[in-house]
């Protein structure tokens, strides 16, 4: 259970890093405000899902430690 939670946390962290990379690319492209909002609006669900997965993985790790 601990290893599964650690894997979930790692995958969530990778998703967060990937969304950071996407946002930095969008800012580097120097887009207009409307286009920037649209692109960031597409990245936001990925960021939230990765954050949720990471937090859920940490909860699984803590439950696994408590049960061990």
PDB file of N, CA and C in Angstrom:
ATOM      1  N   UNK A   1       0.825  -1.190   0.000  1.00  0.00           N
ATOM      2  CA  UNK A   1       0.000   0.000   0.000  1.00  0.00           C
ATOM      3  C   UNK A   1       0.873   1.259   0.000  1.00  0.00           C
ATOM      4  N   UNK A   2       1.975   1.194   0.707  1.00  0.00           N
ATOM      5  CA  UNK A   2       2.880   2.350   0.761  1.00  0.00           C
ATOM      6  C   UNK A   2       3.486   2.607  -0.614  1.00  0.00           C
ATOM      7  N   UNK A   3       3.886   1.520  -1.300  1.00  0.00           N
ATOM      8  CA  UNK A   3       4.517   1.690  -2.615  1.00  0.00           C
ATOM      9  C   UNK A   3       3.526   2.207  -3.650  1.00  0.00           C
ATOM     10  N   UNK A   4       2.280   1.767  -3.562  1.00  0.00           N
ATOM     11  CA  UNK A   4       1.257   2.264  -4.490  1.00  0.00           C
ATOM     12  C   UNK A   4       1.021   3.759  -4.276  1.00  0.00           C
ATOM     13  N   UNK A   5       0.979   4.176  -3.020  1.00  0.00           N
ATOM     14  CA  UNK A   5       0.821   5.602  -2.725  1.00  0.00           C
ATOM     15  C   UNK A   5       2.014   6.420  -3.189  1.00  0.00           C
ATOM     16  N   UNK A   6       3.202   5.852  -3.017  1.00  0.00           N
ATOM     17  CA  UNK A   6       4.401   6.555  -3.475  1.00  0.00           C
ATOM     18  C   UNK A   6       4.395   6.695  -4.997  1.00  0.00           C
ATOM     19  N   UNK A   7       3.923   5.666  -5.693  1.00  0.00           N
ATOM     20  CA  UNK A   7       3.820   5.735  -7.150  1.00  0.00           C
ATOM     21  C   UNK A   7       2.804   6.786  -7.576  1.00  0.00           C
ATOM     22  N   UNK A   8       1.662   6.827  -6.901  1.00  0.00           N
ATOM     23  CA  UNK A   8       0.647   7.835  -7.215  1.00  0.00           C
ATOM     24  C   UNK A   8       1.183   9.245  -6.980  1.00  0.00           C
ATOM     25  N   UNK A   9       1.900   9.416  -5.881  1.00  0.00           N
ATOM     26  CA  UNK A   9       2.470  10.727  -5.575  1.00  0.00           C
ATOM     27  C   UNK A   9       3.486  11.131  -6.625  1.00  0.00           C
ATOM     28  N   UNK A  10       4.310  10.188  -7.040  1.00  0.00           N
ATOM     29  CA  UNK A  10       5.329  10.483  -8.055  1.00  0.00           C
ATOM     30  C   UNK A  10       4.687  10.851  -9.385  1.00  0.00           C
ATOM     31  N   UNK A  11       3.666  10.115  -9.783  1.00  0.00           N
ATOM     32  CA  UNK A  11       2.974  10.439 -11.033  1.00  0.00           C
ATOM     33  C   UNK A  11       2.293  11.800 -10.954  1.00  0.00           C
ATOM     34  N   UNK A  12       1.711  12.109  -9.814  1.00  0.00           N
ATOM     35  CA  UNK A  12       1.108  13.430  -9.632  1.00  0.00           C
ATOM     36  C   UNK A  12       2.130  14.544  -9.703  1.00  0.00           C
ATOM     37  N   UNK A  13       3.286  14.305  -9.110  1.00  0.00           N
ATOM     38  CA  UNK A  13       4.356  15.308  -9.161  1.00  0.00           C
ATOM     39  C   UNK A  13       4.852  15.502 -10.585  1.00  0.00           C
ATOM     40  N   UNK A  14       4.954  14.411 -11.340  1.00  0.00           N
ATOM     41  CA  UNK A  14       5.349  14.527 -12.747  1.00  0.00           C
ATOM     42  C   UNK A  14       4.325  15.346 -13.531  1.00  0.00           C
ATOM     43  N   UNK A  15       3.039  15.149 -13.233  1.00  0.00           N
ATOM     44  CA  UNK A  15       1.998  15.938 -13.895  1.00  0.00           C
ATOM     45  C   UNK A  15       2.087  17.409 -13.549  1.00  0.00           C
ATOM     46  N   UNK A  16       2.399  17.713 -12.300  1.00  0.00           N
ATOM     47  CA  UNK A  16       2.549  19.111 -11.884  1.00  0.00           C
ATOM     48  C   UNK A  16       3.742  19.745 -12.601  1.00  0.00           C
ATOM     49  N   UNK A  17       4.844  19.028 -12.685  1.00  0.00           N
ATOM     50  CA  UNK A  17       6.030  19.546 -13.382  1.00  0.00           C
ATOM     51  C   UNK A  17       5.719  19.758 -14.858  1.00  0.00           C
ATOM     52  N   UNK A  18       4.980  18.812 -15.466  1.00  0.00           N
ATOM     53  CA  UNK A  18       4.609  18.952 -16.871  1.00  0.00           C
ATOM     54  C   UNK A  18       3.722  20.179 -17.092  1.00  0.00           C
ATOM     55  N   UNK A  19       2.789  20.432 -16.188  1.00  0.00           N
ATOM     56  CA  UNK A  19       1.937  21.609 -16.344  1.00  0.00           C
ATOM     57  C   UNK A  19       2.738  22.898 -16.161  1.00  0.00           C
ATOM     58  N   UNK A  20       3.738  22.879 -15.293  1.00  0.00           N
ATOM     59  CA  UNK A  20       4.614  24.050 -15.143  1.00  0.00           C
ATOM     60  C   UNK A  20       5.362  24.310 -16.438  1.00  0.00           C
ATOM     61  N   UNK A  21       5.845  23.243 -17.062  1.00  0.00           N
ATOM     62  CA  UNK A  21       6.560  23.395 -18.338  1.00  0.00           C
ATOM     63  C   UNK A  21       5.635  23.974 -19.401  1.00  0.00           C
ATOM     64  N   UNK A  22       4.397  23.491 -19.449  1.00  0.00           N
ATOM     65  CA  UNK A  22       3.442  24.010 -20.436  1.00  0.00           C
ATOM     66  C   UNK A  22       3.141  25.488 -20.206  1.00  0.00           C
ATOM     67  N   UNK A  23       3.000  25.896 -18.963  1.00  0.00           N
ATOM     68  CA  UNK A  23       2.727  27.307 -18.669  1.00  0.00           C
ATOM     69  C   UNK A  23       3.925  28.176 -19.038  1.00  0.00           C
ATOM     70  N   UNK A  24       5.119  27.696 -18.739  1.00  0.00           N
ATOM     71  CA  UNK A  24       6.313  28.480 -19.101  1.00  0.00           C
ATOM     72  C   UNK A  24       6.440  28.635 -20.605  1.00  0.00           C
ATOM     73  N   UNK A  25       6.095  27.572 -21.361  1.00  0.00           N
ATOM     74  CA  UNK A  25       6.121  27.675 -22.825  1.00  0.00           C
ATOM     75  C   UNK A  25       5.094  28.681 -23.311  1.00  0.00           C
ATOM     76  N   UNK A  26       3.916  28.680 -22.692  1.00  0.00           N
ATOM     77  CA  UNK A  26       2.873  29.622 -23.101  1.00  0.00           C
ATOM     78  C   UNK A  26       3.299  31.062 -22.818  1.00  0.00           C
ATOM     79  N   UNK A  27       3.941  31.291 -21.682  1.00  0.00           N
ATOM     80  CA  UNK A  27       4.401  32.647 -21.367  1.00  0.00           C
ATOM     81  C   UNK A  27       5.537  33.072 -22.288  1.00  0.00           C
ATOM     82  N   UNK A  28       6.380  32.124 -22.670  1.00  0.00           N
ATOM     83  CA  UNK A  28       7.502  32.443 -23.543  1.00  0.00           C
ATOM     84  C   UNK A  28       7.020  32.809 -24.947  1.00  0.00           C
ATOM     85  N   UNK A  29       5.883  32.244 -25.379  1.00  0.00           N
ATOM     86  CA  UNK A  29       5.360  32.523 -26.714  1.00  0.00           C
ATOM     87  C   UNK A  29       4.807  33.937 -26.848  1.00  0.00           C
ATOM     88  N   UNK A  30       4.633  34.650 -25.737  1.00  0.00           N
ATOM     89  CA  UNK A  30       4.174  36.039 -25.728  1.00  0.00           C
ATOM     90  C   UNK A  30       2.888  36.201 -26.544  1.00  0.00           C
ATOM     91  N   UNK A  31       1.844  35.534 -26.085  1.00  0.00           N
ATOM     92  CA  UNK A  31       0.559  35.525 -26.785  1.00  0.00           C
ATOM     93  C   UNK A  31      -0.324  36.672 -26.326  1.00  0.00           C
ATOM     94  N   UNK A  32      -1.373  36.902 -27.105  1.00  0.00           N
ATOM     95  CA  UNK A  32      -2.359  37.895 -26.703  1.00  0.00           C
ATOM     96  C   UNK A  32      -3.119  37.379 -25.488  1.00  0.00           C
ATOM     97  N   UNK A  33      -3.810  38.288 -24.806  1.00  0.00           N
ATOM     98  CA  UNK A  33      -4.476  37.944 -23.547  1.00  0.00           C
ATOM     99  C   UNK A  33      -5.526  36.848 -23.726  1.00  0.00           C
ATOM    100  N   UNK A  34      -6.340  36.942 -24.747  1.00  0.00           N
ATOM    101  CA  UNK A  34      -7.408  35.956 -24.956  1.00  0.00           C
ATOM    102  C   UNK A  34      -6.835  34.579 -25.274  1.00  0.00           C
ATOM    103  N   UNK A  35      -5.809  34.545 -26.096  1.00  0.00           N
ATOM    104  CA  UNK A  35      -5.186  33.270 -26.464  1.00  0.00           C
ATOM    105  C   UNK A  35      -4.475  32.669 -25.250  1.00  0.00           C
ATOM    106  N   UNK A  36      -3.850  33.529 -24.460  1.00  0.00           N
ATOM    107  CA  UNK A  36      -3.160  33.046 -23.253  1.00  0.00           C
ATOM    108  C   UNK A  36      -4.170  32.454 -22.264  1.00  0.00           C
ATOM    109  N   UNK A  37      -5.305  33.132 -22.085  1.00  0.00           N
ATOM    110  CA  UNK A  37      -6.339  32.608 -21.184  1.00  0.00           C
ATOM    111  C   UNK A  37      -6.867  31.261 -21.670  1.00  0.00           C
ATOM    112  N   UNK A  38      -7.044  31.132 -22.966  1.00  0.00           N
ATOM    113  CA  UNK A  38      -7.531  29.875 -23.520  1.00  0.00           C
ATOM    114  C   UNK A  38      -6.524  28.747 -23.288  1.00  0.00           C
ATOM    115  N   UNK A  39      -5.259  29.023 -23.530  1.00  0.00           N
ATOM    116  CA  UNK A  39      -4.235  27.992 -23.342  1.00  0.00           C
ATOM    117  C   UNK A  39      -4.093  27.616 -21.871  1.00  0.00           C
ATOM    118  N   UNK A  40      -4.105  28.617 -20.996  1.00  0.00           N
ATOM    119  CA  UNK A  40      -4.008  28.316 -19.568  1.00  0.00           C
ATOM    120  C   UNK A  40      -5.261  27.603 -19.063  1.00  0.00           C
ATOM    121  N   UNK A  41      -6.402  27.898 -19.672  1.00  0.00           N
ATOM    122  CA  UNK A  41      -7.631  27.201 -19.314  1.00  0.00           C
ATOM    123  C   UNK A  41      -7.582  25.726 -19.652  1.00  0.00           C
ATOM    124  N   UNK A  42      -6.835  25.365 -20.689  1.00  0.00           N
ATOM    125  CA  UNK A  42      -6.669  23.957 -21.049  1.00  0.00           C
ATOM    126  C   UNK A  42      -5.667  23.251 -20.130  1.00  0.00           C
ATOM    127  N   UNK A  43      -4.726  23.994 -19.585  1.00  0.00           N
ATOM    128  CA  UNK A  43      -3.700  23.406 -18.715  1.00  0.00           C
ATOM    129  C   UNK A  43      -4.232  23.222 -17.294  1.00  0.00           C
ATOM    130  N   UNK A  44      -5.152  24.067 -16.870  1.00  0.00           N
ATOM    131  CA  UNK A  44      -5.661  24.043 -15.498  1.00  0.00           C
ATOM    132  C   UNK A  44      -6.231  22.687 -15.068  1.00  0.00           C
ATOM    133  N   UNK A  45      -7.046  22.009 -15.870  1.00  0.00           N
ATOM    134  CA  UNK A  45      -7.546  20.693 -15.424  1.00  0.00           C
ATOM    135  C   UNK A  45      -6.428  19.667 -15.218  1.00  0.00           C
ATOM    136  N   UNK A  46      -5.415  19.706 -16.057  1.00  0.00           N
ATOM    137  CA  UNK A  46      -4.272  18.814 -15.880  1.00  0.00           C
ATOM    138  C   UNK A  46      -3.570  19.099 -14.561  1.00  0.00           C
ATOM    139  N   UNK A  47      -3.390  20.367 -14.265  1.00  0.00           N
ATOM    140  CA  UNK A  47      -2.720  20.754 -13.030  1.00  0.00           C
ATOM    141  C   UNK A  47      -3.528  20.313 -11.813  1.00  0.00           C
ATOM    142  N   UNK A  48      -4.831  20.527 -11.839  1.00  0.00           N
ATOM    143  CA  UNK A  48      -5.672  20.142 -10.710  1.00  0.00           C
ATOM    144  C   UNK A  48      -5.733  18.625 -10.540  1.00  0.00           C
ATOM    145  N   UNK A  49      -5.795  17.893 -11.642  1.00  0.00           N
ATOM    146  CA  UNK A  49      -5.819  16.430 -11.559  1.00  0.00           C
ATOM    147  C   UNK A  49      -4.499  15.899 -10.996  1.00  0.00           C
ATOM    148  N   UNK A  50      -3.392  16.484 -11.418  1.00  0.00           N
ATOM    149  CA  UNK A  50      -2.093  16.056 -10.912  1.00  0.00           C
ATOM    150  C   UNK A  50      -1.957  16.381  -9.426  1.00  0.00           C
ATOM    151  N   UNK A  51      -2.447  17.528  -9.018  1.00  0.00           N
ATOM    152  CA  UNK A  51      -2.405  17.898  -7.605  1.00  0.00           C
ATOM    153  C   UNK A  51      -3.265  16.947  -6.772  1.00  0.00           C
ATOM    154  N   UNK A  52      -4.444  16.616  -7.275  1.00  0.00           N
ATOM    155  CA  UNK A  52      -5.320  15.689  -6.576  1.00  0.00           C
ATOM    156  C   UNK A  52      -4.684  14.307  -6.462  1.00  0.00           C
ATOM    157  N   UNK A  53      -4.069  13.837  -7.545  1.00  0.00           N
ATOM    158  CA  UNK A  53      -3.436  12.524  -7.524  1.00  0.00           C
ATOM    159  C   UNK A  53      -2.267  12.486  -6.550  1.00  0.00           C
ATOM    160  N   UNK A  54      -1.510  13.548  -6.514  1.00  0.00           N
ATOM    161  CA  UNK A  54      -0.382  13.621  -5.596  1.00  0.00           C
ATOM    162  C   UNK A  54      -0.859  13.617  -4.140  1.00  0.00           C
ATOM    163  N   UNK A  55      -1.883  14.395  -3.855  1.00  0.00           N
ATOM    164  CA  UNK A  55      -2.417  14.444  -2.487  1.00  0.00           C
ATOM    165  C   UNK A  55      -3.036  13.108  -2.093  1.00  0.00           C
ATOM    166  N   UNK A  56      -3.744  12.493  -3.017  1.00  0.00           N
ATOM    167  CA  UNK A  56      -4.342  11.186  -2.739  1.00  0.00           C
ATOM    168  C   UNK A  56      -3.262  10.136  -2.489  1.00  0.00           C
ATOM    169  N   UNK A  57      -2.187  10.206  -3.248  1.00  0.00           N
ATOM    170  CA  UNK A  57      -1.075   9.285  -3.041  1.00  0.00           C
ATOM    171  C   UNK A  57      -0.443   9.462  -1.674  1.00  0.00           C
ATOM    172  N   UNK A  58      -0.298  10.700  -1.246  1.00  0.00           N
ATOM    173  CA  UNK A  58       0.258  10.938   0.088  1.00  0.00           C
ATOM    174  C   UNK A  58      -0.672  10.403   1.176  1.00  0.00           C
ATOM    175  N   UNK A  59      -1.984  10.521   0.955  1.00  0.00           N
ATOM    176  CA  UNK A  59      -2.930   9.968   1.923  1.00  0.00           C
ATOM    177  C   UNK A  59      -2.818   8.443   1.984  1.00  0.00           C
ATOM    178  N   UNK A  60      -2.648   7.804   0.840  1.00  0.00           N
ATOM    179  CA  UNK A  60      -2.506   6.355   0.800  1.00  0.00           C
ATOM    180  C   UNK A  60      -1.238   5.925   1.526  1.00  0.00           C
ATOM    181  N   UNK A  61      -0.161   6.681   1.358  1.00  0.00           N
ATOM    182  CA  UNK A  61       1.090   6.379   2.064  1.00  0.00           C
ATOM    183  C   UNK A  61       0.865   6.463   3.581  1.00  0.00           C
ATOM    184  N   UNK A  62       0.192   7.503   4.020  1.00  0.00           N
ATOM    185  CA  UNK A  62      -0.018   7.677   5.471  1.00  0.00           C
ATOM    186  C   UNK A  62      -0.903   6.559   6.020  1.00  0.00           C
ATOM    187  N   UNK A  63      -1.946   6.185   5.279  1.00  0.00           N
ATOM    188  CA  UNK A  63      -2.797   5.077   5.715  1.00  0.00           C
ATOM    189  C   UNK A  63      -1.987   3.781   5.752  1.00  0.00           C
ATOM    190  N   UNK A  64      -1.151   3.572   4.754  1.00  0.00           N
ATOM    191  CA  UNK A  64      -0.310   2.381   4.731  1.00  0.00           C
ATOM    192  C   UNK A  64       0.652   2.325   5.898  1.00  0.00           C
ATOM    193  N   UNK A  65       1.229   3.457   6.272  1.00  0.00           N
ATOM    194  CA  UNK A  65       2.133   3.512   7.424  1.00  0.00           C
ATOM    195  C   UNK A  65       1.354   3.237   8.713  1.00  0.00           C
ATOM    196  N   UNK A  66       0.161   3.796   8.803  1.00  0.00           N
ATOM    197  CA  UNK A  66      -0.639   3.601  10.021  1.00  0.00           C
ATOM    198  C   UNK A  66      -1.066   2.146  10.178  1.00  0.00           C
ATOM    199  N   UNK A  67      -1.318   1.464   9.084  1.00  0.00           N
ATOM    200  CA  UNK A  67      -1.751   0.077   9.147  1.00  0.00           C
ATOM    201  C   UNK A  67      -0.580  -0.902   9.312  1.00  0.00           C
ATOM    202  N   UNK A  68       0.614  -0.463   9.029  1.00  0.00           N
ATOM    203  CA  UNK A  68       1.764  -1.367   9.098  1.00  0.00           C
ATOM    204  C   UNK A  68       2.210  -1.614  10.512  1.00  0.00           C
TER     205      UNK A  68
END
